[in-house]
Protein backbone atom coordinates (compact mmCIF):
# COMPACT_ATOMS: atom_id res chain seq x y z
CA UNK A 1 -9.21 2.22 9.92
CA UNK A 2 -12.36 2.75 11.12
CA UNK A 3 -12.29 5.37 13.78
CA UNK A 4 -8.77 7.08 13.19
CA UNK A 5 -8.40 10.89 13.05
CA UNK A 6 -5.73 13.19 12.15
CA UNK A 7 -4.31 15.62 10.02
CA UNK A 8 -2.91 15.04 6.72
CA UNK A 9 -2.71 17.46 3.46
CA UNK A 10 -3.35 15.38 0.33
CA UNK A 11 -3.77 17.01 -3.25
CA UNK A 12 -7.44 16.78 -4.26
CA UNK A 13 -6.65 15.56 -7.78
CA UNK A 14 -7.59 12.69 -9.61
CA UNK A 15 -4.86 9.61 -9.28
CA UNK A 16 -5.24 6.27 -11.69
CA UNK A 17 -2.80 3.59 -10.80
CA UNK A 18 -0.59 1.49 -13.39
CA UNK A 19 3.47 0.87 -13.29
CA UNK A 20 5.69 3.45 -13.72
CA UNK A 21 9.34 3.96 -14.06
CA UNK A 22 11.18 3.76 -10.54
CA UNK A 23 14.56 3.59 -9.88
CA UNK A 24 15.62 -0.20 -8.48
CA UNK A 25 15.84 -0.12 -4.31
CA UNK A 26 17.75 -3.48 -4.51
CA UNK A 27 19.57 -5.42 -7.13
CA UNK A 28 16.91 -8.51 -7.96
CA UNK A 29 18.75 -11.91 -8.56
CA UNK A 30 20.27 -12.18 -11.97
CA UNK A 31 20.30 -8.32 -12.08
CA UNK A 32 23.58 -6.42 -13.10
CA UNK A 33 22.51 -2.68 -11.85
CA UNK A 34 22.20 0.21 -13.45
CA UNK A 35 19.57 1.14 -15.62
CA UNK A 36 16.03 -0.96 -14.46
CA UNK A 37 15.11 -4.13 -16.54
CA UNK A 38 12.51 -3.33 -19.09
CA UNK A 39 10.19 -6.10 -20.73
CA UNK A 40 9.36 -6.77 -24.49
CA UNK A 41 6.55 -3.76 -24.52
CA UNK A 42 9.56 -1.37 -23.02
CA UNK A 43 7.87 -1.42 -19.49
CA UNK A 44 10.05 -1.05 -16.14
CA UNK A 45 10.45 -3.81 -13.98
CA UNK A 46 11.99 -5.61 -10.88
CA UNK A 47 12.09 -9.11 -9.76
CA UNK A 48 9.44 -10.17 -7.79
CA UNK A 49 12.24 -11.32 -5.19
CA UNK A 50 13.05 -8.14 -4.68
CA UNK A 51 10.25 -7.06 -3.51
CA UNK A 52 9.89 -10.06 -1.21
CA UNK A 53 13.22 -8.85 0.23
CA UNK A 54 12.20 -5.42 0.82
CA UNK A 55 9.06 -6.67 2.74
CA UNK A 56 11.84 -8.90 5.15
CA UNK A 57 14.26 -6.41 5.34
CA UNK A 58 11.92 -3.59 7.31
CA UNK A 59 10.42 -5.73 9.21
CA UNK A 60 10.59 -4.38 12.87
CA UNK A 61 9.64 -7.65 14.19
CA UNK A 62 11.74 -9.95 12.44
CA UNK A 63 11.53 -13.47 14.69
CA UNK A 64 8.68 -15.87 14.95
CA UNK A 65 8.09 -17.62 18.47
CA UNK A 66 5.57 -20.01 20.31
CA UNK A 67 3.67 -16.36 20.92
CA UNK A 68 2.63 -16.44 16.99
CA UNK A 69 -1.30 -17.06 17.00
CA UNK A 70 -2.04 -20.25 15.49
CA UNK A 71 -5.47 -19.12 14.16
CA UNK A 72 -4.35 -15.96 12.17
CA UNK A 73 -1.37 -18.47 10.84
CA UNK A 74 -3.88 -20.81 9.56
CA UNK A 75 -6.87 -17.90 8.92
CA UNK A 76 -3.72 -16.21 6.34
CA UNK A 77 -2.30 -19.04 5.35
CA UNK A 78 -2.87 -18.66 1.58
CA UNK A 79 -1.38 -15.24 1.52
CA UNK A 80 2.06 -16.54 -0.25
CA UNK A 81 0.24 -17.61 -3.23
CA UNK A 82 -1.69 -14.38 -3.86
CA UNK A 83 1.81 -12.67 -3.90
CA UNK A 84 3.29 -15.68 -6.35
CA UNK A 85 0.07 -15.73 -8.55
CA UNK A 86 1.19 -14.19 -12.21
CA UNK A 87 -1.60 -12.93 -13.16
CA UNK A 88 -2.88 -11.07 -10.33
CA UNK A 89 -1.78 -7.27 -9.07
CA UNK A 90 -1.44 -8.35 -5.76
CA UNK A 91 2.72 -8.59 -5.90
CA UNK A 92 2.60 -5.00 -7.69
CA UNK A 93 0.97 -3.48 -5.57
CA UNK A 94 2.27 -5.15 -2.31
CA UNK A 95 5.39 -3.48 -3.52
CA UNK A 96 4.15 -0.07 -4.24
CA UNK A 97 3.24 0.04 -0.35
CA UNK A 98 6.03 -1.54 0.66
CA UNK A 99 8.12 0.97 -1.24
CA UNK A 100 6.07 3.99 0.67
CA UNK A 101 6.64 2.82 3.64
CA UNK A 102 10.53 2.02 3.18
CA UNK A 103 10.90 5.48 1.80
CA UNK A 104 8.95 6.74 5.20
CA UNK A 105 11.44 4.90 7.01
CA UNK A 106 8.24 2.62 8.60
CA UNK A 107 8.11 -0.75 9.53
CA UNK A 108 6.49 -2.95 6.51
CA UNK A 109 4.04 -4.67 9.10
CA UNK A 110 2.26 -1.59 7.88
CA UNK A 111 2.45 -2.80 4.10
CA UNK A 112 0.27 -5.99 5.78
CA UNK A 113 -2.64 -3.57 6.65
CA UNK A 114 -4.52 -3.97 3.64
CA UNK A 115 -3.76 -7.95 3.75
CA UNK A 116 -6.29 -7.89 6.57
CA UNK A 117 -8.60 -5.01 5.62
CA UNK A 118 -9.09 -5.72 1.69
CA UNK A 119 -6.93 -8.78 1.03
CA UNK A 120 -4.97 -6.02 -1.41
CA UNK A 121 -8.34 -5.67 -3.42
CA UNK A 122 -8.50 -2.08 -4.96
CA UNK A 123 -11.99 -1.89 -5.45
CA UNK A 124 -13.10 -3.81 -2.42
CA UNK A 125 -16.23 -2.77 -0.60
CA UNK A 126 -17.79 -4.07 3.01
CA UNK A 127 -21.38 -3.27 3.59
CA UNK A 128 -20.85 -1.88 6.47
CA UNK A 129 -19.26 1.39 4.13
CA UNK A 130 -15.67 1.28 4.39
CA UNK A 131 -14.19 1.07 1.22
CA UNK A 132 -10.62 0.24 -0.75
CA UNK A 133 -7.05 -1.26 0.36
CA UNK A 134 -7.27 0.33 3.77
CA UNK A 135 -10.70 -0.19 4.15
CA UNK A 136 -11.82 3.48 4.77
CA UNK A 137 -14.71 5.05 5.92
CA UNK A 138 -15.94 7.85 4.74
CA UNK A 139 -15.39 10.11 7.63
CA UNK A 140 -12.16 8.99 7.71
CA UNK A 141 -11.07 9.59 4.39
CA UNK A 142 -12.32 13.43 4.83
CA UNK A 143 -10.51 13.69 8.36
CA UNK A 144 -7.50 12.87 6.24
CA UNK A 145 -8.42 14.71 2.90
CA UNK A 146 -9.20 11.69 0.71
CA UNK A 147 -11.26 13.12 -2.15
CA UNK A 148 -14.17 11.89 -2.37
CA UNK A 149 -16.73 13.77 -4.97
CA UNK A 150 -19.19 13.18 -7.76
CA UNK A 151 -17.50 9.99 -10.13
CA UNK A 152 -15.01 9.78 -7.64
CA UNK A 153 -13.87 7.57 -4.54
CA UNK A 154 -10.27 8.49 -4.17
CA UNK A 155 -11.08 4.97 -0.72
CA UNK A 156 -10.72 3.09 -4.24
CA UNK A 157 -7.81 4.70 -5.41
CA UNK A 158 -4.38 2.74 -4.30
CA UNK A 159 -2.78 6.30 -4.34
CA UNK A 160 -4.74 8.65 -2.80
CA UNK A 161 -5.81 5.64 0.06
CA UNK A 162 -1.69 4.84 0.41
CA UNK A 163 -0.97 8.58 0.30
CA UNK A 164 -3.12 9.36 3.03
CA UNK A 165 -2.26 5.65 5.09
CA UNK A 166 1.15 6.20 4.99
CA UNK A 167 1.15 9.69 6.39
CA UNK A 168 -1.35 8.73 9.61
CA UNK A 169 0.73 5.67 10.15
CA UNK A 170 3.80 7.91 10.08
CA UNK A 171 1.82 10.43 12.41
CA UNK A 172 1.09 7.27 14.71
CA UNK A 173 4.28 5.77 14.31
CA UNK A 174 5.97 8.71 16.28
CA UNK A 175 3.39 9.58 18.64
CA UNK A 176 3.87 6.04 19.96
CA UNK A 177 7.55 6.39 20.15
CA UNK A 178 8.21 3.97 17.38
CA UNK A 179 6.23 0.62 18.62
CA UNK A 180 4.45 -0.02 15.20
CA UNK A 181 2.06 -2.63 17.64
CA UNK A 182 0.78 0.48 19.07
CA UNK A 183 0.59 2.55 16.13
CA UNK A 184 -1.29 -0.31 14.16
CA UNK A 185 -3.62 -0.68 17.20
CA UNK A 186 -4.62 3.22 16.91
CA UNK A 187 -4.99 2.61 13.31
CA UNK A 188 -7.69 0.43 14.08
CA UNK A 189 -9.17 2.80 16.84
CA UNK A 190 -7.91 5.27 17.06
CA UNK A 191 -4.86 7.31 18.60
CA UNK A 192 -7.11 8.74 21.18
CA UNK A 193 -8.28 5.32 22.64
CA UNK A 194 -4.67 4.00 23.03
CA UNK A 195 -3.82 7.35 24.47
CA UNK A 196 -6.53 6.17 26.88
CA UNK A 197 -5.70 3.14 27.64
CA UNK A 198 -2.20 3.42 28.45
CA UNK A 199 -2.78 6.47 30.97
CA UNK A 200 -5.73 3.77 32.33
CA UNK A 201 -3.44 0.57 32.52
CA UNK A 202 -0.06 2.96 34.02
CA UNK A 203 2.56 2.55 30.99
CA UNK A 204 4.07 5.12 28.21
CA UNK A 205 4.45 4.34 24.82
CA UNK A 206 8.33 3.99 24.94
CA UNK A 207 8.11 1.03 27.21
CA UNK A 208 4.73 -0.73 27.02
CA UNK A 209 2.88 -3.85 27.06
CA UNK A 210 0.14 -3.92 24.17
CA UNK A 211 -1.51 -7.18 25.46
CA UNK A 212 -2.08 -5.59 28.78
CA UNK A 213 -3.70 -2.51 27.93
CA UNK A 214 -6.77 -2.09 29.44
CA UNK A 215 -10.89 -1.01 27.49
CA UNK A 216 -9.57 -1.82 24.34
CA UNK A 217 -11.93 -4.02 22.20
CA UNK A 218 -10.93 -7.73 21.09
CA UNK A 219 -10.82 -6.72 17.60
CA UNK A 220 -7.97 -4.05 18.76
CA UNK A 221 -6.48 -6.73 20.45
CA UNK A 222 -6.48 -9.50 17.78
CA UNK A 223 -5.32 -6.45 15.35
CA UNK A 224 -1.78 -6.85 16.18
CA UNK A 225 -1.75 -10.70 16.35
CA UNK A 226 -3.05 -10.80 12.71
CA UNK A 227 -0.12 -8.43 11.36
CA UNK A 228 2.27 -10.49 13.25
CA UNK A 229 0.86 -13.65 12.17
CA UNK A 230 1.50 -12.65 8.72
CA UNK A 231 4.52 -11.64 8.96
CA UNK A 232 5.22 -14.59 10.05
CA UNK A 233 3.61 -16.71 7.22
CA UNK A 234 5.18 -14.63 4.58
CA UNK A 235 8.80 -14.88 6.31
CA UNK A 236 8.68 -18.74 6.64
CA UNK A 237 7.36 -18.92 3.12
CA UNK A 238 11.05 -17.50 1.98
CA UNK A 239 12.10 -21.54 2.90
CA UNK A 240 10.09 -22.52 0.19
CA UNK A 241 12.03 -22.94 -2.43
CA UNK A 242 9.16 -23.23 -5.18
CA UNK A 243 7.74 -20.32 -3.72
CA UNK A 244 11.32 -18.12 -4.28
CA UNK A 245 10.76 -19.58 -7.42
CA UNK A 246 7.54 -18.29 -8.65
CA UNK A 247 8.62 -14.93 -7.18
CA UNK A 248 11.38 -15.08 -9.62
CA UNK A 249 9.65 -13.00 -12.84
CA UNK A 250 9.66 -9.19 -13.65
CA UNK A 251 7.10 -7.33 -12.08
CA UNK A 252 6.10 -3.86 -13.06
CA UNK A 253 7.10 -1.06 -10.78
CA UNK A 254 4.68 1.90 -9.60
CA UNK A 255 4.61 5.71 -9.74
CA UNK A 256 2.25 8.70 -10.46
CA UNK A 257 2.29 10.50 -13.76
CA UNK A 258 0.57 12.81 -14.76
CA UNK A 259 -2.71 12.92 -17.41
CA UNK A 260 -3.02 15.81 -20.20
CA UNK A 261 -5.83 17.85 -19.88
CA UNK A 262 -6.95 16.88 -23.03
CA UNK A 263 -7.32 13.08 -22.29
CA UNK A 264 -10.93 11.94 -20.16
CA UNK A 265 -10.56 7.81 -20.64
CA UNK A 266 -8.44 5.65 -19.44
CA UNK A 267 -8.72 4.05 -22.90
CA UNK A 268 -7.29 6.84 -23.93
CA UNK A 269 -4.48 7.33 -22.03
CA UNK A 270 -3.75 3.49 -22.24
CA UNK A 271 -3.68 3.90 -26.09
CA UNK A 272 -1.70 6.53 -26.51
CA UNK A 273 1.48 5.02 -24.14
CA UNK A 274 1.03 1.57 -25.47
CA UNK A 275 -0.80 0.71 -22.23
CA UNK A 276 -3.60 -2.47 -21.20
CA UNK A 277 -6.56 -0.62 -19.85
CA UNK A 278 -8.16 -3.27 -18.76
CA UNK A 279 -5.25 -3.62 -16.03
CA UNK A 280 -5.50 -0.10 -15.67
CA UNK A 281 -9.15 -0.37 -15.43
CA UNK A 282 -8.90 -3.06 -12.73
CA UNK A 283 -5.92 -1.14 -10.52
CA UNK A 284 -7.83 2.24 -10.49
CA UNK A 285 -11.50 1.36 -9.67
CA UNK A 286 -11.22 5.18 -8.65
CA UNK A 287 -11.83 6.44 -11.70
CA UNK A 288 -15.86 5.20 -12.00
CA UNK A 289 -16.55 3.44 -16.09
CA UNK A 290 -12.73 4.47 -16.80
CA UNK A 291 -13.75 8.05 -16.88
CA UNK A 292 -10.74 10.72 -15.58
CA UNK A 293 -12.46 13.82 -14.43
CA UNK A 294 -9.97 17.05 -14.20
CA UNK A 295 -9.94 19.16 -11.34
CA UNK A 296 -8.22 22.07 -10.24
CA UNK A 297 -5.21 20.62 -10.45
CA UNK A 298 -3.98 18.12 -13.41
CA UNK A 299 -5.19 14.14 -13.09
CA UNK A 300 -2.55 11.86 -11.91
CA UNK A 301 -2.07 8.62 -12.43
CA UNK A 302 0.40 5.44 -11.61
CA UNK A 303 0.37 3.92 -15.06
CA UNK A 304 2.09 1.45 -16.89
CA UNK A 305 5.21 3.25 -18.01
CA UNK A 306 7.91 1.89 -20.73
CA UNK A 307 11.32 3.59 -20.07
CA UNK A 308 12.02 6.97 -21.61
CA UNK A 309 11.12 7.37 -24.95
CA UNK A 310 10.88 11.20 -24.98
CA UNK A 311 7.09 10.54 -25.11
CA UNK A 312 5.75 13.74 -23.04
CA UNK A 313 2.07 11.76 -23.40
CA UNK A 314 2.64 10.69 -19.82
CA UNK A 315 4.92 12.84 -16.64
CA UNK A 316 6.36 11.38 -13.71
CA UNK A 317 5.87 12.75 -10.92
CA UNK A 318 8.71 13.82 -8.60
CA UNK A 319 9.65 10.29 -6.54
CA UNK A 320 9.85 12.50 -3.25
CA UNK A 321 6.72 13.68 -3.18
CA UNK A 322 4.98 10.01 -3.64
CA UNK A 323 7.18 8.58 -1.20
CA UNK A 324 6.17 10.08 1.88
CA UNK A 325 2.72 9.77 -0.16
CA UNK A 326 2.37 13.49 -0.65
CA UNK A 327 1.55 14.26 -4.52
C-alpha cells in the first residue's frame, strides 16, 4: 500500500493487539456449538481448521489452473508452514484479518496482502519507509487516518492498519465493480492509476481484462499474480492431511477491548487479566516499550481475553464496529 489515497475515518486512540472473546463463525471439527471453547486458562479459542475454512469459503477465485504463476507459487511455498507453526501468532492474525474481510463482505484474497507485504509480521519495517502488516508509508497512513504520534505508530498496530486497509479495500472493491484483481492493483498503485489505465485501454471495470491494461508497472501487474498464486498454494495445502492435522488445534481469537485510564503499561494490563505480556508486546509493536499512551479517547487493545467472569478490567468493543474496521 504505497501510493493509495482515499477517505477513511478512524479513531485516533491507542490500540493494542491480543486475543479476545468473539462468537464462532462456523463450528470447528469436534465442536458442539453454543459457547465458544476455552483452554485451561479460560482463553476463548477456535479450531485452526475453522480459520482455514473461512478463508477458503471467502475466495472470489477459488479455481487454480495453468495460468497460476509457477514463480510465485514457488516463492510462497513456505506459507502453509507459517500458518501451521504452533508457536507463532501468524494463524491468529490471519484469522483476525479474514474475519474483518468476511464481515465486510470482501473476498479473502485480500487477507493475503499482509503475507505479500510483510509475511504477517506486525513489526515489519522496510528500509524504504513502509511499516507494519500492510506496509503503509507515512503519507498513506495519514491519508487514511492511521494515528502516528510521539511514542505511537499506528502502522505497527494490526488493529489500526487493518481497520484502514479493510475500509480502503471496501471502497476500491465498490469502485471497481467487485473485481478483486483491479482493487488489489489499485491498492498497490493507487486507484487513479488503475482508472487511467482502464480509460486508456478502452475498458470498463465490470468487464475488465487486468492483464491487458496499458501503462502499469511490472510490480503492479505482478501483484495479482502473487495473490492468486499464494491463494492456490494455500488451497492445495488443504489436500495435505498432515498439514490439516497441524491446524487442528485451539487458536485464540482477536478482538478489541478498552484499557482503563489508570493502566499505562502492557505488563500491568497483562497481570490484571492473567495474560502473557511478552506475547501481547509481540502482537502490538505500536506500543513502543510496552507503554500505553492514553489520548482524548480511551486506549483500546486486542487482548488475550478469557470468557466473561464479571471482571470489568477490560471491556469488549462492539463487534459491529470492529468488523467494518470502525473503532
